[in-house]
């Protein structure tokens, strides 16, 4: 990747128009163009290492379930049994409840069910030793090396400071280096633009739309499935 500064907007627009016209001349339809753009993004993130994170110090126990990741700003540690009550408090928040929206094996599951399942791994995000959020890998499939990611900044005053992105990057690093994941996926409401943009900034790409998948605020809403493929 070039180390130069960002290209001027006019240059990008000109190149985009030229590529669009050329694609149309080749017979691309709208879906083809979307796929073409996604291919460009995939190549760009593979070259730049989109899942790379800021330096962190990872401390491991005797198994992958025993860990502590210490970064310059936030820490990510293994969740303990006494953390469950705090997580339950966080998911009562209007934003925190989104932590429970995605599917778990096609069934509804309580936070307690998820927390105690051997197929899931939970972590707590700390800022100066104060818990501010949670992370999880659900349905960790060791054979296919895939898992579902969930993230939550539960303390309202800790939102909007970039902690979610930084902690998630550490969690991805952990998933890749310790759990040997080759694919990480997640679900998000298709109306949650801030979360979609955050996911895209870390290399996640939309791979499908689940129509009217969940019931929120009295209406059925669509979920986007997004995924991150780890270059092998």
Protein backbone atom coordinates (compact mmCIF):
# COMPACT_ATOMS: atom_id res chain seq x y z
CA UNK A 1 0.00 0.00 0.00
CA UNK A 2 1.20 3.54 -0.74
CA UNK A 3 2.47 5.66 2.14
CA UNK A 4 1.30 8.85 0.43
CA UNK A 5 -1.53 10.98 1.78
CA UNK A 6 -5.16 10.54 0.77
CA UNK A 7 -6.04 11.12 -2.87
CA UNK A 8 -8.07 14.28 -3.68
CA UNK A 9 -11.81 13.68 -3.86
CA UNK A 10 -11.89 14.81 -7.48
CA UNK A 11 -9.30 12.20 -8.44
CA UNK A 12 -11.22 9.42 -6.77
CA UNK A 13 -14.46 10.51 -8.45
CA UNK A 14 -12.77 10.59 -11.87
CA UNK A 15 -11.26 7.12 -11.47
CA UNK A 16 -14.54 5.73 -10.13
CA UNK A 17 -16.49 7.14 -13.11
CA UNK A 18 -13.94 5.71 -15.53
CA UNK A 19 -14.07 2.25 -13.92
CA UNK A 20 -17.87 2.36 -13.85
CA UNK A 21 -18.09 3.20 -17.54
CA UNK A 22 -15.63 0.42 -18.38
CA UNK A 23 -17.59 -2.08 -16.28
CA UNK A 24 -20.82 -1.13 -18.07
CA UNK A 25 -19.07 -1.57 -21.43
CA UNK A 26 -18.14 -5.11 -20.36
CA UNK A 27 -21.81 -5.81 -19.68
CA UNK A 28 -21.76 -5.56 -15.85
CA UNK A 29 -25.16 -5.23 -14.21
CA UNK A 30 -25.77 -3.61 -10.81
CA UNK A 31 -25.07 -6.80 -8.84
CA UNK A 32 -21.86 -7.37 -10.81
CA UNK A 33 -20.65 -3.88 -9.91
CA UNK A 34 -21.32 -4.45 -6.21
CA UNK A 35 -19.38 -7.73 -6.37
CA UNK A 36 -16.56 -5.96 -8.24
CA UNK A 37 -16.30 -3.25 -5.55
CA UNK A 38 -16.26 -5.90 -2.81
CA UNK A 39 -13.43 -7.72 -4.58
CA UNK A 40 -11.39 -4.49 -4.66
CA UNK A 41 -12.05 -3.94 -0.96
CA UNK A 42 -11.08 -7.51 -0.12
CA UNK A 43 -7.77 -7.18 -1.95
CA UNK A 44 -7.08 -3.81 -0.32
CA UNK A 45 -7.66 -5.15 3.18
CA UNK A 46 -5.63 -8.27 2.53
CA UNK A 47 -2.66 -6.15 1.50
CA UNK A 48 -2.99 -3.67 4.36
CA UNK A 49 -3.78 -6.26 7.04
CA UNK A 50 -7.12 -4.78 8.07
CA UNK A 51 -7.39 -7.00 11.11
CA UNK A 52 -4.01 -5.88 12.46
CA UNK A 53 -4.16 -4.15 15.83
CA UNK A 54 -2.15 -1.80 17.97
CA UNK A 55 0.57 -3.46 20.05
CA UNK A 56 -0.80 -5.47 22.97
CA UNK A 57 0.55 -7.85 25.55
CA UNK A 58 -1.30 -11.14 25.69
CA UNK A 59 -1.02 -13.28 28.79
CA UNK A 60 -2.22 -16.86 28.44
CA UNK A 61 -3.07 -19.52 30.99
CA UNK A 62 -3.00 -23.25 30.47
CA UNK A 63 -5.84 -23.08 27.92
CA UNK A 64 -7.25 -20.57 25.42
CA UNK A 65 -10.06 -19.86 27.91
CA UNK A 66 -7.54 -18.35 30.35
CA UNK A 67 -6.23 -15.08 29.00
CA UNK A 68 -5.64 -11.36 29.57
CA UNK A 69 -4.88 -8.90 26.78
CA UNK A 70 -3.34 -5.64 27.96
CA UNK A 71 -3.23 -2.76 25.50
CA UNK A 72 -2.11 0.83 25.99
CA UNK A 73 -5.69 2.01 26.53
CA UNK A 74 -8.05 -0.87 27.22
CA UNK A 75 -7.63 -4.37 28.59
CA UNK A 76 -9.55 -7.50 27.60
CA UNK A 77 -9.68 -10.31 30.13
CA UNK A 78 -11.40 -13.65 30.53
CA UNK A 79 -14.94 -13.30 31.85
CA UNK A 80 -15.60 -14.72 35.31
CA UNK A 81 -18.80 -16.10 36.79
CA UNK A 82 -19.37 -12.97 38.84
CA UNK A 83 -19.35 -10.86 35.63
CA UNK A 84 -22.67 -12.30 34.50
CA UNK A 85 -24.76 -9.96 36.68
CA UNK A 86 -22.99 -6.94 35.19
CA UNK A 87 -23.56 -8.22 31.65
CA UNK A 88 -27.24 -8.75 32.44
CA UNK A 89 -27.41 -5.14 33.62
CA UNK A 90 -25.76 -3.89 30.42
CA UNK A 91 -28.14 -5.72 28.08
CA UNK A 92 -31.10 -3.98 29.72
CA UNK A 93 -29.82 -0.73 28.19
CA UNK A 94 -31.52 0.34 24.90
CA UNK A 95 -28.21 -0.06 23.05
CA UNK A 96 -26.91 -2.92 25.13
CA UNK A 97 -29.87 -5.10 24.24
CA UNK A 98 -28.51 -5.35 20.69
CA UNK A 99 -25.93 -7.73 22.13
CA UNK A 100 -28.70 -10.35 22.28
CA UNK A 101 -30.21 -9.85 18.84
CA UNK A 102 -28.28 -12.26 16.67
CA UNK A 103 -29.09 -15.91 16.26
CA UNK A 104 -27.64 -18.74 18.32
CA UNK A 105 -28.10 -21.99 16.45
CA UNK A 106 -31.45 -20.80 15.14
CA UNK A 107 -32.97 -20.57 18.63
CA UNK A 108 -33.61 -17.94 21.25
CA UNK A 109 -31.19 -18.10 24.16
CA UNK A 110 -30.88 -16.12 27.37
CA UNK A 111 -27.66 -14.37 28.25
CA UNK A 112 -27.12 -16.91 31.03
CA UNK A 113 -27.51 -19.79 28.54
CA UNK A 114 -24.99 -18.17 26.23
CA UNK A 115 -22.56 -17.36 29.04
CA UNK A 116 -22.44 -20.91 30.37
CA UNK A 117 -22.34 -22.73 27.02
CA UNK A 118 -19.01 -24.53 26.40
CA UNK A 119 -19.28 -23.50 22.73
CA UNK A 120 -19.01 -19.82 23.67
CA UNK A 121 -16.18 -17.70 25.04
CA UNK A 122 -16.80 -14.39 26.84
CA UNK A 123 -14.44 -11.57 27.73
CA UNK A 124 -14.73 -8.32 29.68
CA UNK A 125 -13.36 -5.01 28.43
CA UNK A 126 -11.72 -2.87 31.11
CA UNK A 127 -10.63 0.75 31.21
CA UNK A 128 -8.22 1.43 34.08
CA UNK A 129 -9.42 -1.82 35.70
CA UNK A 130 -13.07 -0.75 35.49
CA UNK A 131 -15.33 -3.04 33.42
CA UNK A 132 -16.92 -1.07 30.58
CA UNK A 133 -18.02 -3.73 28.12
CA UNK A 134 -18.01 -7.30 26.88
CA UNK A 135 -16.89 -9.38 23.93
CA UNK A 136 -17.77 -12.90 22.91
CA UNK A 137 -17.10 -15.64 20.42
CA UNK A 138 -20.23 -17.75 20.00
CA UNK A 139 -20.64 -21.14 18.34
CA UNK A 140 -16.89 -21.59 18.07
CA UNK A 141 -16.45 -24.35 15.51
CA UNK A 142 -12.94 -25.71 15.97
CA UNK A 143 -13.13 -27.97 12.93
CA UNK A 144 -14.18 -25.30 10.46
CA UNK A 145 -12.37 -22.59 12.46
CA UNK A 146 -15.22 -20.10 12.48
CA UNK A 147 -17.03 -18.22 15.24
CA UNK A 148 -19.59 -15.46 15.70
CA UNK A 149 -18.31 -12.24 17.23
CA UNK A 150 -20.30 -10.03 19.58
CA UNK A 151 -19.26 -6.75 21.14
CA UNK A 152 -20.76 -4.33 23.63
CA UNK A 153 -19.68 -1.18 25.44
CA UNK A 154 -22.09 -1.39 28.35
CA UNK A 155 -21.20 1.79 30.24
CA UNK A 156 -22.86 4.75 28.44
CA UNK A 157 -20.09 7.21 29.39
CA UNK A 158 -17.50 4.93 27.73
CA UNK A 159 -19.21 5.02 24.34
CA UNK A 160 -18.01 7.20 21.51
CA UNK A 161 -14.33 7.11 22.48
CA UNK A 162 -13.11 4.37 20.16
CA UNK A 163 -12.88 1.72 22.90
CA UNK A 164 -15.20 -0.67 21.06
CA UNK A 165 -13.02 -0.72 17.96
CA UNK A 166 -9.77 -1.08 19.89
CA UNK A 167 -11.09 -3.86 22.13
CA UNK A 168 -12.60 -5.66 19.14
CA UNK A 169 -9.28 -5.49 17.30
CA UNK A 170 -7.62 -7.17 20.30
CA UNK A 171 -10.39 -9.77 20.30
CA UNK A 172 -9.84 -10.46 16.60
CA UNK A 173 -6.10 -10.79 17.25
CA UNK A 174 -6.89 -13.30 19.99
CA UNK A 175 -9.26 -15.19 17.72
CA UNK A 176 -6.69 -15.43 14.95
CA UNK A 177 -3.53 -16.16 16.94
CA UNK A 178 -4.93 -18.24 19.81
CA UNK A 179 -8.15 -19.80 18.54
CA UNK A 180 -6.80 -20.19 14.97
CA UNK A 181 -9.96 -18.73 13.46
CA UNK A 182 -9.97 -18.33 9.68
CA UNK A 183 -13.38 -16.65 9.52
CA UNK A 184 -15.18 -14.40 12.00
CA UNK A 185 -18.78 -13.36 11.37
CA UNK A 186 -21.39 -11.19 13.08
CA UNK A 187 -24.94 -9.93 12.71
CA UNK A 188 -26.18 -6.36 12.92
CA UNK A 189 -29.43 -4.52 12.28
CA UNK A 190 -29.36 -3.15 8.75
CA UNK A 191 -30.43 0.21 10.20
CA UNK A 192 -27.48 0.39 12.63
CA UNK A 193 -25.25 2.39 10.30
CA UNK A 194 -22.70 3.32 12.97
CA UNK A 195 -22.09 -0.33 13.79
CA UNK A 196 -21.94 -1.30 10.11
CA UNK A 197 -19.32 1.39 9.47
CA UNK A 198 -17.33 0.28 12.53
CA UNK A 199 -17.36 -3.31 11.28
CA UNK A 200 -16.31 -2.25 7.79
CA UNK A 201 -13.41 -0.22 9.20
CA UNK A 202 -12.05 -3.47 10.66
CA UNK A 203 -12.35 -5.38 7.40
CA UNK A 204 -15.79 -6.99 7.76
CA UNK A 205 -17.86 -7.29 4.60
CA UNK A 206 -21.57 -7.87 4.10
CA UNK A 207 -22.23 -11.39 2.90
CA UNK A 208 -25.98 -11.64 3.26
CA UNK A 209 -29.28 -10.15 4.40
CA UNK A 210 -31.69 -12.00 6.68
CA UNK A 211 -35.09 -10.50 6.00
CA UNK A 212 -37.34 -9.77 9.02
CA UNK A 213 -35.08 -11.94 11.16
CA UNK A 214 -35.69 -10.34 14.56
CA UNK A 215 -38.52 -8.60 16.41
CA UNK A 216 -37.46 -5.18 17.77
CA UNK A 217 -39.61 -2.32 19.05
CA UNK A 218 -42.79 -3.90 17.78
CA UNK A 219 -41.61 -4.62 14.24
CA UNK A 220 -39.70 -7.34 12.41
CA UNK A 221 -36.35 -6.03 11.22
CA UNK A 222 -33.68 -7.21 8.83
CA UNK A 223 -30.25 -8.38 9.93
CA UNK A 224 -27.06 -8.08 7.95
CA UNK A 225 -24.51 -10.86 8.22
CA UNK A 226 -20.96 -9.57 7.93
CA UNK A 227 -17.74 -11.54 7.97
CA UNK A 228 -13.98 -11.17 8.12
CA UNK A 229 -11.85 -13.68 6.21
CA UNK A 230 -8.35 -14.12 7.58
CA UNK A 231 -5.68 -14.43 4.85
CA UNK A 232 -4.07 -17.87 5.12
